[in-house]
Structure formats: C-alpha cells, structure tokens
C-alpha cells in the first residue's frame, strides 16, 4: 500500500505543478494584455509560448464545451477547479488507504 500512497502523492504533486503553471500563464497573459511586458523581448516571448504549449491541451476540450463569453476566457478557471477537485479526491482516497492499512 505504500507504493499506492506514493503514487497518489506524486499525482497530487504533479497536479500542484500544473496549478502553478496555469496561474503563472494567466498572470503573464494579463501583463502582456496591459503592455506591462513586451512580446518583442525574446525571453518573454519564449516563456509565453512555452506556457501556452503547456496549457493549451488542457484548455482545448473545455473551450469546445463552454459558450463564447466575448473576450473573457473561463477555461483556466474551469481547469483550476477540476485540478482542485482531483486533488481533494486523491487526498481523501489516500487517507482512506492509510487508515485502512493501519487498522
């Protein structure tokens, strides 16, 4: 059972990394939209492209389902909510496994 608990911990950690990637990408997109950062800078452009490539596969299915809200994209918020639910479910399952093996 320790292997299963370790796998749950790894998946929760990877979900946490995805969470922060989405948060950083959202903040970067706001900074680019308000011209705080300039895309003509090669470093900023590379970071923005890398974050877009990491998050686009997560957003694509949700964008197909959600209706068009004009200029507002709610897909990052939906992905963050899904990640939060998955983390809670995995943590609960890990807790159940940990308590059942010790009892």
PDB file of N, CA and C in Angstrom:
ATOM      1  N   UNK A   1       0.808  -1.202   0.000  1.00  0.00           N
ATOM      2  CA  UNK A   1       0.000   0.000   0.000  1.00  0.00           C
ATOM      3  C   UNK A   1       0.854   1.271   0.000  1.00  0.00           C
ATOM      4  N   UNK A   2       2.099   1.154   0.469  1.00  0.00           N
ATOM      5  CA  UNK A   2       2.971   2.321   0.464  1.00  0.00           C
ATOM      6  C   UNK A   2       3.238   2.815  -0.951  1.00  0.00           C
ATOM      7  N   UNK A   3       3.282   1.882  -1.902  1.00  0.00           N
ATOM      8  CA  UNK A   3       3.502   2.267  -3.297  1.00  0.00           C
ATOM      9  C   UNK A   3       2.318   3.069  -3.809  1.00  0.00           C
ATOM     10  N   UNK A   4       1.122   2.631  -3.446  1.00  0.00           N
ATOM     11  CA  UNK A   4      -0.085   3.339  -3.877  1.00  0.00           C
ATOM     12  C   UNK A   4      -0.150   4.738  -3.271  1.00  0.00           C
ATOM     13  N   UNK A   5       0.208   4.843  -2.008  1.00  0.00           N
ATOM     14  CA  UNK A   5       0.239   6.160  -1.363  1.00  0.00           C
ATOM     15  C   UNK A   5       1.291   7.055  -2.004  1.00  0.00           C
ATOM     16  N   UNK A   6       2.418   6.475  -2.377  1.00  0.00           N
ATOM     17  CA  UNK A   6       3.463   7.247  -3.050  1.00  0.00           C
ATOM     18  C   UNK A   6       2.987   7.724  -4.413  1.00  0.00           C
ATOM     19  N   UNK A   7       2.281   6.864  -5.133  1.00  0.00           N
ATOM     20  CA  UNK A   7       1.734   7.268  -6.434  1.00  0.00           C
ATOM     21  C   UNK A   7       0.718   8.390  -6.286  1.00  0.00           C
ATOM     22  N   UNK A   8      -0.138   8.292  -5.265  1.00  0.00           N
ATOM     23  CA  UNK A   8      -1.090   9.377  -5.012  1.00  0.00           C
ATOM     24  C   UNK A   8      -0.356  10.684  -4.721  1.00  0.00           C
ATOM     25  N   UNK A   9       0.711  10.604  -3.940  1.00  0.00           N
ATOM     26  CA  UNK A   9       1.489  11.807  -3.615  1.00  0.00           C
ATOM     27  C   UNK A   9       2.119  12.411  -4.860  1.00  0.00           C
ATOM     28  N   UNK A  10       2.619  11.565  -5.741  1.00  0.00           N
ATOM     29  CA  UNK A  10       3.238  12.053  -6.974  1.00  0.00           C
ATOM     30  C   UNK A  10       2.196  12.718  -7.867  1.00  0.00           C
ATOM     31  N   UNK A  11       1.026  12.103  -7.994  1.00  0.00           N
ATOM     32  CA  UNK A  11      -0.033  12.688  -8.832  1.00  0.00           C
ATOM     33  C   UNK A  11      -0.507  14.011  -8.249  1.00  0.00           C
ATOM     34  N   UNK A  12      -0.651  14.081  -6.938  1.00  0.00           N
ATOM     35  CA  UNK A  12      -1.057  15.334  -6.296  1.00  0.00           C
ATOM     36  C   UNK A  12       0.000  16.410  -6.523  1.00  0.00           C
ATOM     37  N   UNK A  13       1.274  16.036  -6.430  1.00  0.00           N
ATOM     38  CA  UNK A  13       2.347  16.993  -6.676  1.00  0.00           C
ATOM     39  C   UNK A  13       2.327  17.480  -8.124  1.00  0.00           C
ATOM     40  N   UNK A  14       2.112  16.573  -9.086  1.00  0.00           N
ATOM     41  CA  UNK A  14       2.041  16.979 -10.495  1.00  0.00           C
ATOM     42  C   UNK A  14       0.836  17.880 -10.762  1.00  0.00           C
ATOM     43  N   UNK A  15      -0.273  17.606 -10.108  1.00  0.00           N
ATOM     44  CA  UNK A  15      -1.434  18.492 -10.231  1.00  0.00           C
ATOM     45  C   UNK A  15      -1.124  19.870  -9.649  1.00  0.00           C
ATOM     46  N   UNK A  16      -0.360  19.894  -8.569  1.00  0.00           N
ATOM     47  CA  UNK A  16       0.040  21.164  -7.963  1.00  0.00           C
ATOM     48  C   UNK A  16       0.946  21.953  -8.911  1.00  0.00           C
ATOM     49  N   UNK A  17       1.846  21.266  -9.602  1.00  0.00           N
ATOM     50  CA  UNK A  17       2.714  21.929 -10.578  1.00  0.00           C
ATOM     51  C   UNK A  17       1.872  22.509 -11.719  1.00  0.00           C
ATOM     52  N   UNK A  18       0.910  21.729 -12.210  1.00  0.00           N
ATOM     53  CA  UNK A  18       0.011  22.220 -13.266  1.00  0.00           C
ATOM     54  C   UNK A  18      -0.763  23.449 -12.795  1.00  0.00           C
ATOM     55  N   UNK A  19      -1.214  23.417 -11.530  1.00  0.00           N
ATOM     56  CA  UNK A  19      -1.932  24.546 -10.939  1.00  0.00           C
ATOM     57  C   UNK A  19      -1.098  25.820 -11.066  1.00  0.00           C
ATOM     58  N   UNK A  20       0.170  25.731 -10.659  1.00  0.00           N
ATOM     59  CA  UNK A  20       1.023  26.917 -10.688  1.00  0.00           C
ATOM     60  C   UNK A  20       1.371  27.345 -12.108  1.00  0.00           C
ATOM     61  N   UNK A  21       1.504  26.401 -13.015  1.00  0.00           N
ATOM     62  CA  UNK A  21       1.741  26.752 -14.417  1.00  0.00           C
ATOM     63  C   UNK A  21       0.567  27.559 -14.959  1.00  0.00           C
ATOM     64  N   UNK A  22      -0.649  27.152 -14.631  1.00  0.00           N
ATOM     65  CA  UNK A  22      -1.837  27.874 -15.093  1.00  0.00           C
ATOM     66  C   UNK A  22      -1.904  29.257 -14.471  1.00  0.00           C
ATOM     67  N   UNK A  23      -1.606  29.364 -13.188  1.00  0.00           N
ATOM     68  CA  UNK A  23      -1.627  30.670 -12.516  1.00  0.00           C
ATOM     69  C   UNK A  23      -0.586  31.598 -13.143  1.00  0.00           C
ATOM     70  N   UNK A  24       0.619  31.107 -13.356  1.00  0.00           N
ATOM     71  CA  UNK A  24       1.681  31.927 -13.941  1.00  0.00           C
ATOM     72  C   UNK A  24       1.315  32.335 -15.361  1.00  0.00           C
ATOM     73  N   UNK A  25       0.730  31.423 -16.127  1.00  0.00           N
ATOM     74  CA  UNK A  25       0.326  31.742 -17.500  1.00  0.00           C
ATOM     75  C   UNK A  25      -0.775  32.793 -17.516  1.00  0.00           C
ATOM     76  N   UNK A  26      -1.710  32.719 -16.590  1.00  0.00           N
ATOM     77  CA  UNK A  26      -2.784  33.708 -16.523  1.00  0.00           C
ATOM     78  C   UNK A  26      -2.230  35.091 -16.167  1.00  0.00           C
ATOM     79  N   UNK A  27      -1.341  35.148 -15.186  1.00  0.00           N
ATOM     80  CA  UNK A  27      -0.746  36.429 -14.800  1.00  0.00           C
ATOM     81  C   UNK A  27       0.083  36.997 -15.941  1.00  0.00           C
ATOM     82  N   UNK A  28       0.846  36.141 -16.614  1.00  0.00           N
ATOM     83  CA  UNK A  28       1.646  36.601 -17.748  1.00  0.00           C
ATOM     84  C   UNK A  28       0.757  37.128 -18.868  1.00  0.00           C
ATOM     85  N   UNK A  29      -0.364  36.469 -19.119  1.00  0.00           N
ATOM     86  CA  UNK A  29      -1.260  36.952 -20.178  1.00  0.00           C
ATOM     87  C   UNK A  29      -1.851  38.311 -19.822  1.00  0.00           C
ATOM     88  N   UNK A  30      -2.135  38.543 -18.540  1.00  0.00           N
ATOM     89  CA  UNK A  30      -2.626  39.862 -18.119  1.00  0.00           C
ATOM     90  C   UNK A  30      -1.543  40.918 -18.296  1.00  0.00           C
ATOM     91  N   UNK A  31      -0.309  40.570 -17.920  1.00  0.00           N
ATOM     92  CA  UNK A  31       0.789  41.525 -18.070  1.00  0.00           C
ATOM     93  C   UNK A  31       1.036  41.856 -19.537  1.00  0.00           C
ATOM     94  N   UNK A  32       0.865  40.880 -20.402  1.00  0.00           N
ATOM     95  CA  UNK A  32       1.018  41.135 -21.836  1.00  0.00           C
ATOM     96  C   UNK A  32      -0.151  41.951 -22.374  1.00  0.00           C
ATOM     97  N   UNK A  33      -1.358  41.683 -21.896  1.00  0.00           N
ATOM     98  CA  UNK A  33      -2.538  42.402 -22.375  1.00  0.00           C
ATOM     99  C   UNK A  33      -2.490  43.877 -21.997  1.00  0.00           C
ATOM    100  N   UNK A  34      -1.943  44.187 -20.833  1.00  0.00           N
ATOM    101  CA  UNK A  34      -1.872  45.574 -20.375  1.00  0.00           C
ATOM    102  C   UNK A  34      -0.532  46.228 -20.694  1.00  0.00           C
ATOM    103  N   UNK A  35       0.257  45.601 -21.559  1.00  0.00           N
ATOM    104  CA  UNK A  35       1.538  46.113 -22.022  1.00  0.00           C
ATOM    105  C   UNK A  35       2.533  46.405 -20.902  1.00  0.00           C
ATOM    106  N   UNK A  36       2.443  45.659 -19.823  1.00  0.00           N
ATOM    107  CA  UNK A  36       3.451  45.752 -18.774  1.00  0.00           C
ATOM    108  C   UNK A  36       4.713  45.036 -19.239  1.00  0.00           C
ATOM    109  N   UNK A  37       4.516  43.897 -19.910  1.00  0.00           N
ATOM    110  CA  UNK A  37       5.615  43.172 -20.546  1.00  0.00           C
ATOM    111  C   UNK A  37       5.435  43.268 -22.052  1.00  0.00           C
ATOM    112  N   UNK A  38       6.546  43.234 -22.758  1.00  0.00           N
ATOM    113  CA  UNK A  38       6.516  43.384 -24.205  1.00  0.00           C
ATOM    114  C   UNK A  38       6.894  42.063 -24.871  1.00  0.00           C
ATOM    115  N   UNK A  39       6.121  41.660 -25.867  1.00  0.00           N
ATOM    116  CA  UNK A  39       6.369  40.394 -26.551  1.00  0.00           C
ATOM    117  C   UNK A  39       7.562  40.494 -27.490  1.00  0.00           C
ATOM    118  N   UNK A  40       8.022  41.697 -27.754  1.00  0.00           N
ATOM    119  CA  UNK A  40       9.190  41.834 -28.633  1.00  0.00           C
ATOM    120  C   UNK A  40      10.467  41.349 -27.955  1.00  0.00           C
ATOM    121  N   UNK A  41      10.425  41.212 -26.637  1.00  0.00           N
ATOM    122  CA  UNK A  41      11.564  40.647 -25.908  1.00  0.00           C
ATOM    123  C   UNK A  41      11.600  39.138 -26.146  1.00  0.00           C
ATOM    124  N   UNK A  42      12.734  38.603 -26.615  1.00  0.00           N
ATOM    125  CA  UNK A  42      12.799  37.165 -26.905  1.00  0.00           C
ATOM    126  C   UNK A  42      12.529  36.285 -25.685  1.00  0.00           C
ATOM    127  N   UNK A  43      13.001  36.681 -24.522  1.00  0.00           N
ATOM    128  CA  UNK A  43      12.800  35.871 -23.318  1.00  0.00           C
ATOM    129  C   UNK A  43      11.323  35.817 -22.943  1.00  0.00           C
ATOM    130  N   UNK A  44      10.655  36.956 -22.976  1.00  0.00           N
ATOM    131  CA  UNK A  44       9.233  36.999 -22.641  1.00  0.00           C
ATOM    132  C   UNK A  44       8.436  36.183 -23.653  1.00  0.00           C
ATOM    133  N   UNK A  45       8.781  36.312 -24.926  1.00  0.00           N
ATOM    134  CA  UNK A  45       8.073  35.575 -25.975  1.00  0.00           C
ATOM    135  C   UNK A  45       8.245  34.077 -25.788  1.00  0.00           C
ATOM    136  N   UNK A  46       9.464  33.623 -25.476  1.00  0.00           N
ATOM    137  CA  UNK A  46       9.717  32.193 -25.286  1.00  0.00           C
ATOM    138  C   UNK A  46       8.960  31.644 -24.073  1.00  0.00           C
ATOM    139  N   UNK A  47       8.947  32.412 -22.993  1.00  0.00           N
ATOM    140  CA  UNK A  47       8.220  31.972 -21.802  1.00  0.00           C
ATOM    141  C   UNK A  47       6.732  31.897 -22.083  1.00  0.00           C
ATOM    142  N   UNK A  48       6.199  32.903 -22.773  1.00  0.00           N
ATOM    143  CA  UNK A  48       4.775  32.909 -23.103  1.00  0.00           C
ATOM    144  C   UNK A  48       4.417  31.740 -24.012  1.00  0.00           C
ATOM    145  N   UNK A  49       5.259  31.452 -25.002  1.00  0.00           N
ATOM    146  CA  UNK A  49       4.994  30.324 -25.902  1.00  0.00           C
ATOM    147  C   UNK A  49       5.090  28.989 -25.173  1.00  0.00           C
ATOM    148  N   UNK A  50       6.064  28.850 -24.296  1.00  0.00           N
ATOM    149  CA  UNK A  50       6.217  27.600 -23.544  1.00  0.00           C
ATOM    150  C   UNK A  50       5.013  27.362 -22.638  1.00  0.00           C
ATOM    151  N   UNK A  51       4.575  28.408 -21.951  1.00  0.00           N
ATOM    152  CA  UNK A  51       3.413  28.260 -21.080  1.00  0.00           C
ATOM    153  C   UNK A  51       2.148  27.981 -21.886  1.00  0.00           C
ATOM    154  N   UNK A  52       2.030  28.589 -23.049  1.00  0.00           N
ATOM    155  CA  UNK A  52       0.875  28.334 -23.916  1.00  0.00           C
ATOM    156  C   UNK A  52       0.866  26.878 -24.388  1.00  0.00           C
ATOM    157  N   UNK A  53       2.026  26.341 -24.742  1.00  0.00           N
ATOM    158  CA  UNK A  53       2.095  24.947 -25.177  1.00  0.00           C
ATOM    159  C   UNK A  53       1.785  23.978 -24.035  1.00  0.00           C
ATOM    160  N   UNK A  54       2.103  24.363 -22.800  1.00  0.00           N
ATOM    161  CA  UNK A  54       1.814  23.508 -21.657  1.00  0.00           C
ATOM    162  C   UNK A  54       0.335  23.526 -21.272  1.00  0.00           C
ATOM    163  N   UNK A  55      -0.319  24.669 -21.490  1.00  0.00           N
ATOM    164  CA  UNK A  55      -1.703  24.800 -21.033  1.00  0.00           C
ATOM    165  C   UNK A  55      -2.736  24.573 -22.128  1.00  0.00           C
ATOM    166  N   UNK A  56      -2.386  24.743 -23.377  1.00  0.00           N
ATOM    167  CA  UNK A  56      -3.360  24.612 -24.468  1.00  0.00           C
ATOM    168  C   UNK A  56      -4.050  23.245 -24.503  1.00  0.00           C
ATOM    169  N   UNK A  57      -3.339  22.123 -24.305  1.00  0.00           N
ATOM    170  CA  UNK A  57      -4.049  20.835 -24.312  1.00  0.00           C
ATOM    171  C   UNK A  57      -5.090  20.706 -23.196  1.00  0.00           C
ATOM    172  N   UNK A  58      -4.879  21.398 -22.096  1.00  0.00           N
ATOM    173  CA  UNK A  58      -5.860  21.359 -21.009  1.00  0.00           C
ATOM    174  C   UNK A  58      -7.078  22.225 -21.334  1.00  0.00           C
ATOM    175  N   UNK A  59      -6.838  23.355 -21.989  1.00  0.00           N
ATOM    176  CA  UNK A  59      -7.918  24.300 -22.266  1.00  0.00           C
ATOM    177  C   UNK A  59      -8.783  23.879 -23.448  1.00  0.00           C
ATOM    178  N   UNK A  60      -8.196  23.224 -24.427  1.00  0.00           N
ATOM    179  CA  UNK A  60      -8.887  22.931 -25.688  1.00  0.00           C
ATOM    180  C   UNK A  60     -10.222  22.215 -25.512  1.00  0.00           C
ATOM    181  N   UNK A  61     -10.301  21.117 -24.736  1.00  0.00           N
ATOM    182  CA  UNK A  61     -11.607  20.446 -24.597  1.00  0.00           C
ATOM    183  C   UNK A  61     -12.634  21.309 -23.868  1.00  0.00           C
ATOM    184  N   UNK A  62     -12.175  22.105 -22.928  1.00  0.00           N
ATOM    185  CA  UNK A  62     -13.098  22.949 -22.166  1.00  0.00           C
ATOM    186  C   UNK A  62     -13.602  24.102 -23.028  1.00  0.00           C
ATOM    187  N   UNK A  63     -12.742  24.648 -23.863  1.00  0.00           N
ATOM    188  CA  UNK A  63     -13.159  25.727 -24.755  1.00  0.00           C
ATOM    189  C   UNK A  63     -14.202  25.257 -25.760  1.00  0.00           C
ATOM    190  N   UNK A  64     -14.157  23.978 -26.129  1.00  0.00           N
ATOM    191  CA  UNK A  64     -15.173  23.444 -27.044  1.00  0.00           C
ATOM    192  C   UNK A  64     -16.521  23.351 -26.361  1.00  0.00           C
ATOM    193  N   UNK A  65     -16.530  23.100 -25.054  1.00  0.00           N
ATOM    194  CA  UNK A  65     -17.787  22.928 -24.314  1.00  0.00           C
ATOM    195  C   UNK A  65     -18.377  24.268 -23.887  1.00  0.00           C
ATOM    196  N   UNK A  66     -17.521  25.175 -23.376  1.00  0.00           N
ATOM    197  CA  UNK A  66     -18.011  26.458 -22.866  1.00  0.00           C
ATOM    198  C   UNK A  66     -18.508  27.343 -24.003  1.00  0.00           C
ATOM    199  N   UNK A  67     -19.575  28.101 -23.749  1.00  0.00           N
ATOM    200  CA  UNK A  67     -20.013  29.067 -24.762  1.00  0.00           C
ATOM    201  C   UNK A  67     -19.047  30.241 -24.846  1.00  0.00           C
ATOM    202  N   UNK A  68     -19.155  31.006 -25.911  1.00  0.00           N
ATOM    203  CA  UNK A  68     -18.288  32.176 -26.100  1.00  0.00           C
ATOM    204  C   UNK A  68     -18.770  33.310 -25.200  1.00  0.00           C
ATOM    205  N   UNK A  69     -17.880  33.805 -24.347  1.00  0.00           N
ATOM    206  CA  UNK A  69     -18.204  34.896 -23.442  1.00  0.00           C
ATOM    207  C   UNK A  69     -17.570  36.206 -23.897  1.00  0.00           C
ATOM    208  N   UNK A  70     -17.335  36.343 -25.164  1.00  0.00           N
ATOM    209  CA  UNK A  70     -16.689  37.554 -25.673  1.00  0.00           C
ATOM    210  C   UNK A  70     -15.189  37.450 -25.473  1.00  0.00           C
ATOM    211  N   UNK A  71     -14.602  38.450 -24.826  1.00  0.00           N
ATOM    212  CA  UNK A  71     -13.161  38.473 -24.629  1.00  0.00           C
ATOM    213  C   UNK A  71     -12.694  37.792 -23.365  1.00  0.00           C
ATOM    214  N   UNK A  72     -13.606  37.176 -22.615  1.00  0.00           N
ATOM    215  CA  UNK A  72     -13.241  36.547 -21.346  1.00  0.00           C
ATOM    216  C   UNK A  72     -13.125  35.046 -21.540  1.00  0.00           C
ATOM    217  N   UNK A  73     -12.006  34.489 -21.116  1.00  0.00           N
ATOM    218  CA  UNK A  73     -11.765  33.052 -21.229  1.00  0.00           C
ATOM    219  C   UNK A  73     -11.863  32.427 -19.846  1.00  0.00           C
ATOM    220  N   UNK A  74     -12.886  31.613 -19.647  1.00  0.00           N
ATOM    221  CA  UNK A  74     -13.092  30.972 -18.354  1.00  0.00           C
ATOM    222  C   UNK A  74     -12.457  29.584 -18.271  1.00  0.00           C
ATOM    223  N   UNK A  75     -11.830  29.125 -19.344  1.00  0.00           N
ATOM    224  CA  UNK A  75     -11.255  27.776 -19.328  1.00  0.00           C
ATOM    225  C   UNK A  75     -10.150  27.599 -18.280  1.00  0.00           C
ATOM    226  N   UNK A  76      -9.277  28.590 -18.016  1.00  0.00           N
ATOM    227  CA  UNK A  76      -8.298  28.378 -16.934  1.00  0.00           C
ATOM    228  C   UNK A  76      -8.964  28.172 -15.569  1.00  0.00           C
ATOM    229  N   UNK A  77     -10.042  28.912 -15.315  1.00  0.00           N
ATOM    230  CA  UNK A  77     -10.725  28.768 -14.034  1.00  0.00           C
ATOM    231  C   UNK A  77     -11.375  27.381 -13.923  1.00  0.00           C
ATOM    232  N   UNK A  78     -11.928  26.881 -15.019  1.00  0.00           N
ATOM    233  CA  UNK A  78     -12.537  25.556 -15.011  1.00  0.00           C
ATOM    234  C   UNK A  78     -11.460  24.489 -14.774  1.00  0.00           C
ATOM    235  N   UNK A  79     -10.320  24.632 -15.437  1.00  0.00           N
ATOM    236  CA  UNK A  79      -9.228  23.660 -15.243  1.00  0.00           C
ATOM    237  C   UNK A  79      -8.723  23.707 -13.803  1.00  0.00           C
ATOM    238  N   UNK A  80      -8.607  24.894 -13.233  1.00  0.00           N
ATOM    239  CA  UNK A  80      -8.173  25.001 -11.840  1.00  0.00           C
ATOM    240  C   UNK A  80      -9.174  24.337 -10.902  1.00  0.00           C
ATOM    241  N   UNK A  81     -10.458  24.489 -11.165  1.00  0.00           N
ATOM    242  CA  UNK A  81     -11.467  23.827 -10.337  1.00  0.00           C
ATOM    243  C   UNK A  81     -11.388  22.303 -10.473  1.00  0.00           C
ATOM    244  N   UNK A  82     -11.165  21.820 -11.679  1.00  0.00           N
ATOM    245  CA  UNK A  82     -11.024  20.379 -11.895  1.00  0.00           C
ATOM    246  C   UNK A  82      -9.799  19.853 -11.151  1.00  0.00           C
ATOM    247  N   UNK A  83      -8.691  20.595 -11.223  1.00  0.00           N
ATOM    248  CA  UNK A  83      -7.478  20.185 -10.506  1.00  0.00           C
ATOM    249  C   UNK A  83      -7.729  20.151  -9.010  1.00  0.00           C
ATOM    250  N   UNK A  84      -8.427  21.148  -8.495  1.00  0.00           N
ATOM    251  CA  UNK A  84      -8.731  21.198  -7.067  1.00  0.00           C
ATOM    252  C   UNK A  84      -9.584  20.005  -6.646  1.00  0.00           C
ATOM    253  N   UNK A  85     -10.589  19.670  -7.441  1.00  0.00           N
ATOM    254  CA  UNK A  85     -11.443  18.522  -7.130  1.00  0.00           C
ATOM    255  C   UNK A  85     -10.633  17.229  -7.166  1.00  0.00           C
ATOM    256  N   UNK A  86      -9.788  17.074  -8.183  1.00  0.00           N
ATOM    257  CA  UNK A  86      -8.961  15.868  -8.271  1.00  0.00           C
ATOM    258  C   UNK A  86      -8.014  15.742  -7.087  1.00  0.00           C
ATOM    259  N   UNK A  87      -7.420  16.870  -6.670  1.00  0.00           N
ATOM    260  CA  UNK A  87      -6.517  16.833  -5.517  1.00  0.00           C
ATOM    261  C   UNK A  87      -7.260  16.407  -4.255  1.00  0.00           C
ATOM    262  N   UNK A  88      -8.455  16.942  -4.064  1.00  0.00           N
ATOM    263  CA  UNK A  88      -9.237  16.580  -2.870  1.00  0.00           C
ATOM    264  C   UNK A  88      -9.641  15.109  -2.901  1.00  0.00           C
ATOM    265  N   UNK A  89     -10.060  14.622  -4.076  1.00  0.00           N
ATOM    266  CA  UNK A  89     -10.441  13.216  -4.191  1.00  0.00           C
ATOM    267  C   UNK A  89      -9.250  12.291  -3.937  1.00  0.00           C
ATOM    268  N   UNK A  90      -8.102  12.627  -4.508  1.00  0.00           N
ATOM    269  CA  UNK A  90      -6.909  11.804  -4.301  1.00  0.00           C
ATOM    270  C   UNK A  90      -6.442  11.839  -2.851  1.00  0.00           C
ATOM    271  N   UNK A  91      -6.508  13.008  -2.237  1.00  0.00           N
ATOM    272  CA  UNK A  91      -6.105  13.110  -0.830  1.00  0.00           C
ATOM    273  C   UNK A  91      -7.043  12.296   0.056  1.00  0.00           C
ATOM    274  N   UNK A  92      -8.342  12.345  -0.239  1.00  0.00           N
ATOM    275  CA  UNK A  92      -9.301  11.541   0.526  1.00  0.00           C
ATOM    276  C   UNK A  92      -9.082  10.059   0.330  1.00  0.00           C
ATOM    277  N   UNK A  93      -8.818   9.650  -0.907  1.00  0.00           N
ATOM    278  CA  UNK A  93      -8.557   8.236  -1.172  1.00  0.00           C
ATOM    279  C   UNK A  93      -7.274   7.785  -0.478  1.00  0.00           C
ATOM    280  N   UNK A  94      -6.261   8.624  -0.497  1.00  0.00           N
ATOM    281  CA  UNK A  94      -5.005   8.293   0.188  1.00  0.00           C
ATOM    282  C   UNK A  94      -5.220   8.179   1.683  1.00  0.00           C
ATOM    283  N   UNK A  95      -6.042   9.045   2.227  1.00  0.00           N
ATOM    284  CA  UNK A  95      -6.330   8.996   3.659  1.00  0.00           C
ATOM    285  C   UNK A  95      -7.085   7.708   3.999  1.00  0.00           C
ATOM    286  N   UNK A  96      -8.032   7.321   3.153  1.00  0.00           N
ATOM    287  CA  UNK A  96      -8.767   6.074   3.387  1.00  0.00           C
ATOM    288  C   UNK A  96      -7.838   4.870   3.334  1.00  0.00           C
ATOM    289  N   UNK A  97      -6.943   4.855   2.375  1.00  0.00           N
ATOM    290  CA  UNK A  97      -5.999   3.749   2.247  1.00  0.00           C
ATOM    291  C   UNK A  97      -5.062   3.708   3.454  1.00  0.00           C
ATOM    292  N   UNK A  98      -4.589   4.875   3.878  1.00  0.00           N
ATOM    293  CA  UNK A  98      -3.663   4.931   5.008  1.00  0.00           C
ATOM    294  C   UNK A  98      -4.343   4.466   6.306  1.00  0.00           C
ATOM    295  N   UNK A  99      -5.598   4.838   6.508  1.00  0.00           N
ATOM    296  CA  UNK A  99      -6.273   4.431   7.743  1.00  0.00           C
ATOM    297  C   UNK A  99      -6.709   2.966   7.701  1.00  0.00           C
ATOM    298  N   UNK A 100      -7.009   2.452   6.507  1.00  0.00           N
ATOM    299  CA  UNK A 100      -7.439   1.054   6.418  1.00  0.00           C
ATOM    300  C   UNK A 100      -6.262   0.087   6.602  1.00  0.00           C
ATOM    301  N   UNK A 101      -5.064   0.507   6.239  1.00  0.00           N
ATOM    302  CA  UNK A 101      -3.906  -0.383   6.390  1.00  0.00           C
ATOM    303  C   UNK A 101      -3.391  -0.403   7.831  1.00  0.00           C
ATOM    304  N   UNK A 102      -3.634   0.686   8.572  1.00  0.00           N
ATOM    305  CA  UNK A 102      -3.140   0.726   9.946  1.00  0.00           C
ATOM    306  C   UNK A 102      -4.150   0.122  10.926  1.00  0.00           C
ATOM    307  N   UNK A 103      -5.402  -0.020  10.521  1.00  0.00           N
ATOM    308  CA  UNK A 103      -6.431  -0.531  11.438  1.00  0.00           C
ATOM    309  C   UNK A 103      -6.460  -2.033  11.495  1.00  0.00           C
TER     310      UNK A 103
END
